Amino acid sequence: MREPDFFSADWAVAVGEALTAGPSERARDGKLPMYWDFFEKTKNTYPASWALGCRDLPAELGGGPAYLFADWTGGEVTGCRIIAPDEPLKAGYVLTMSYPDWKALHEGYDAQRTVMYRKILLEEGNLLEFFVTIYFFVECLAVIGAVPARYPQALVRSLLSV
């Protein structure tokens, strides 16, 4: 089966399923059980939604900016889709990242460093409330980065020549 295109409707569905499933057993190794207890407690009571943006999505992928919307209810992502360009951003938190940083995340760049080094930025939403659950968000960002996505070959060649 072919991987879905990055920031496509099929990719958004796969992201929603992966977020609901949570981090893999491999990802859970090496961290204390109480860390994952906190993660699960947060996940099961998390009442917010995210619009995760790509500021500069290439034209081959529809052009940017583009946003992945994820809505959390009762420990599950109840809605995960790509927001249409003309649709208003109605999410508890709006965060954005550049296309090269999204690609790096999908190639294995650390999600915690992505947040810590400000590669993803909170543009809308209460900063203090967001950071109360930052470990939950970081683990979810790692899950998103692990969801396979296809990048057009022409884009890969052009990024390598930079």
Protein backbone atom coordinates (compact mmCIF):
# COMPACT_ATOMS: atom_id res chain seq x y z
CA MET A 1 0.00 0.00 0.00
CA ARG A 2 1.30 3.42 -0.94
CA GLU A 3 2.04 5.92 1.81
CA PRO A 4 -0.33 8.90 1.88
CA ASP A 5 0.99 12.25 0.70
CA PHE A 6 2.15 14.56 3.47
CA PHE A 7 -0.68 16.91 4.54
CA SER A 8 -3.30 14.96 2.56
CA ALA A 9 -6.72 13.81 3.75
CA ASP A 10 -5.51 10.19 3.99
CA TRP A 11 -2.48 11.27 6.04
CA ALA A 12 -4.75 13.22 8.42
CA VAL A 13 -6.90 10.11 8.99
CA ALA A 14 -3.76 8.05 9.71
CA VAL A 15 -2.55 10.74 12.13
CA GLY A 16 -5.88 10.71 13.99
CA GLU A 17 -5.75 6.93 14.35
CA ALA A 18 -2.13 7.03 15.52
CA LEU A 19 -2.83 9.75 18.08
CA THR A 20 -5.75 7.79 19.50
CA ALA A 21 -3.58 4.66 19.72
CA GLY A 22 -0.80 6.64 21.42
CA PRO A 23 2.94 6.05 21.51
CA SER A 24 4.26 2.62 20.57
CA GLU A 25 5.75 0.23 23.13
CA ARG A 26 9.16 1.01 21.65
CA ALA A 27 8.61 4.73 22.22
CA ARG A 28 7.52 4.00 25.80
CA ASP A 29 10.71 2.11 26.63
CA GLY A 30 13.22 4.04 28.71
CA LYS A 31 10.76 6.35 30.45
CA LEU A 32 9.35 5.80 33.90
CA PRO A 33 5.88 4.25 34.22
CA MET A 34 4.71 7.31 36.16
CA TYR A 35 5.53 9.46 33.09
CA TRP A 36 3.17 7.32 31.01
CA ASP A 37 0.58 7.39 33.81
CA PHE A 38 0.64 11.20 33.52
CA PHE A 39 0.42 10.93 29.72
CA GLU A 40 -2.62 8.62 29.90
CA LYS A 41 -4.35 10.76 32.53
CA THR A 42 -3.82 13.86 30.39
CA LYS A 43 -4.93 12.04 27.22
CA ASN A 44 -8.14 10.79 28.86
CA THR A 45 -9.14 14.25 30.10
CA TYR A 46 -7.66 16.48 27.37
CA PRO A 47 -10.41 18.85 26.18
CA ALA A 48 -8.64 20.85 23.48
CA SER A 49 -8.10 20.94 19.74
CA TRP A 50 -5.03 21.73 17.68
CA ALA A 51 -4.48 23.30 14.31
CA LEU A 52 -0.94 22.26 13.41
CA GLY A 53 0.25 24.30 10.48
CA CYS A 54 2.86 24.06 7.80
CA ARG A 55 3.73 27.65 6.93
CA ASP A 56 5.24 26.93 3.53
CA LEU A 57 3.76 23.75 2.10
CA PRO A 58 5.18 23.34 -1.43
CA ALA A 59 2.90 23.78 -4.43
CA GLU A 60 3.25 20.06 -5.26
CA LEU A 61 1.45 19.35 -2.00
CA GLY A 62 -1.21 22.02 -2.40
CA GLY A 63 0.71 25.11 -1.35
CA GLY A 64 0.86 26.63 2.07
CA PRO A 65 -0.02 27.55 4.65
CA ALA A 66 -1.97 24.41 5.47
CA TYR A 67 -3.27 23.08 8.79
CA LEU A 68 -3.90 19.68 10.30
CA PHE A 69 -6.83 19.89 12.71
CA ALA A 70 -7.02 17.41 15.61
CA ASP A 71 -9.88 17.51 18.12
CA TRP A 72 -9.55 15.58 21.40
CA THR A 73 -12.50 14.20 23.39
CA GLY A 74 -12.42 11.47 26.03
CA GLY A 75 -8.96 10.17 25.20
CA GLU A 76 -9.57 9.95 21.45
CA VAL A 77 -9.07 12.15 18.46
CA THR A 78 -12.66 12.60 17.37
CA GLY A 79 -11.80 14.63 14.31
CA CYS A 80 -8.57 14.82 12.34
CA ARG A 81 -8.53 16.49 8.96
CA ILE A 82 -6.81 19.05 6.81
CA ILE A 83 -8.42 22.47 7.16
CA ALA A 84 -9.39 24.03 3.83
CA PRO A 85 -7.45 27.21 2.97
CA ASP A 86 -10.59 29.37 3.12
CA GLU A 87 -11.86 27.81 6.36
CA PRO A 88 -11.41 29.79 9.60
CA LEU A 89 -9.01 28.36 12.16
CA LYS A 90 -11.19 27.35 15.09
CA ALA A 91 -8.89 25.44 17.43
CA GLY A 92 -7.89 25.82 21.04
CA TYR A 93 -4.25 26.01 19.98
CA VAL A 94 -2.74 27.00 16.66
CA LEU A 95 0.87 25.99 16.16
CA THR A 96 2.98 26.28 13.03
CA MET A 97 6.21 24.87 11.69
CA SER A 98 8.11 25.21 8.42
CA TYR A 99 8.03 22.50 5.77
CA PRO A 100 11.73 21.57 6.28
CA ASP A 101 11.09 21.19 10.02
CA TRP A 102 8.04 18.98 9.40
CA LYS A 103 10.13 16.87 7.05
CA ALA A 104 12.92 16.62 9.63
CA LEU A 105 10.39 15.47 12.25
CA HIS A 106 9.22 12.73 9.86
CA GLU A 107 12.82 11.72 9.24
CA GLY A 108 13.40 11.20 12.96
CA TYR A 109 14.28 14.61 14.41
CA ASP A 110 13.41 14.60 18.11
CA ALA A 111 9.95 15.98 18.95
CA GLN A 112 11.15 17.37 22.29
CA ARG A 113 13.91 19.32 20.53
CA THR A 114 11.37 20.48 17.96
CA VAL A 115 9.47 22.19 20.78
CA MET A 116 12.48 23.22 22.86
CA TYR A 117 14.33 24.84 19.96
CA ARG A 118 11.16 26.64 18.84
CA LYS A 119 10.83 24.92 15.50
CA ILE A 120 7.11 24.71 16.20
CA LEU A 121 5.55 27.89 17.52
CA LEU A 122 2.33 28.52 19.41
CA GLU A 123 0.55 31.30 17.51
CA GLU A 124 -2.88 31.19 19.16
CA GLY A 125 -4.04 29.85 22.50
CA ASN A 126 -3.20 30.35 26.15
CA LEU A 127 0.54 29.72 26.52
CA LEU A 128 0.42 28.83 30.22
CA GLU A 129 -2.46 26.40 29.81
CA PHE A 130 -0.72 24.82 26.82
CA PHE A 131 2.51 24.25 28.73
CA VAL A 132 0.72 22.52 31.62
CA THR A 133 0.35 19.59 29.20
CA ILE A 134 3.55 20.07 27.20
CA TYR A 135 4.82 16.52 27.78
CA PHE A 136 1.56 15.18 26.38
CA PHE A 137 1.90 17.43 23.35
CA VAL A 138 5.54 16.43 22.76
CA GLU A 139 4.67 12.74 22.81
CA CYS A 140 1.79 13.38 20.41
CA LEU A 141 4.11 15.32 18.11
CA ALA A 142 6.45 12.31 18.12
CA VAL A 143 3.49 10.08 17.19
CA ILE A 144 2.62 12.42 14.31
CA GLY A 145 6.24 12.35 13.14
CA ALA A 146 6.13 8.54 13.02
CA VAL A 147 3.09 8.43 10.72
CA PRO A 148 4.41 7.58 7.25
CA ALA A 149 4.06 10.27 4.63
CA ARG A 150 5.17 10.46 1.01
CA TYR A 151 7.10 13.45 -0.19
CA PRO A 152 7.17 14.11 -3.95
CA GLN A 153 10.49 13.01 -5.47
CA ALA A 154 11.06 16.40 -7.13
CA LEU A 155 10.78 18.04 -3.71
CA VAL A 156 13.25 15.64 -2.18
CA ARG A 157 15.80 16.37 -4.94
CA SER A 158 15.32 20.14 -4.59
CA LEU A 159 15.76 20.03 -0.81
CA LEU A 160 18.93 17.97 -1.16
CA SER A 161 20.46 20.53 -3.54
CA VAL A 162 20.08 23.39 -1.05
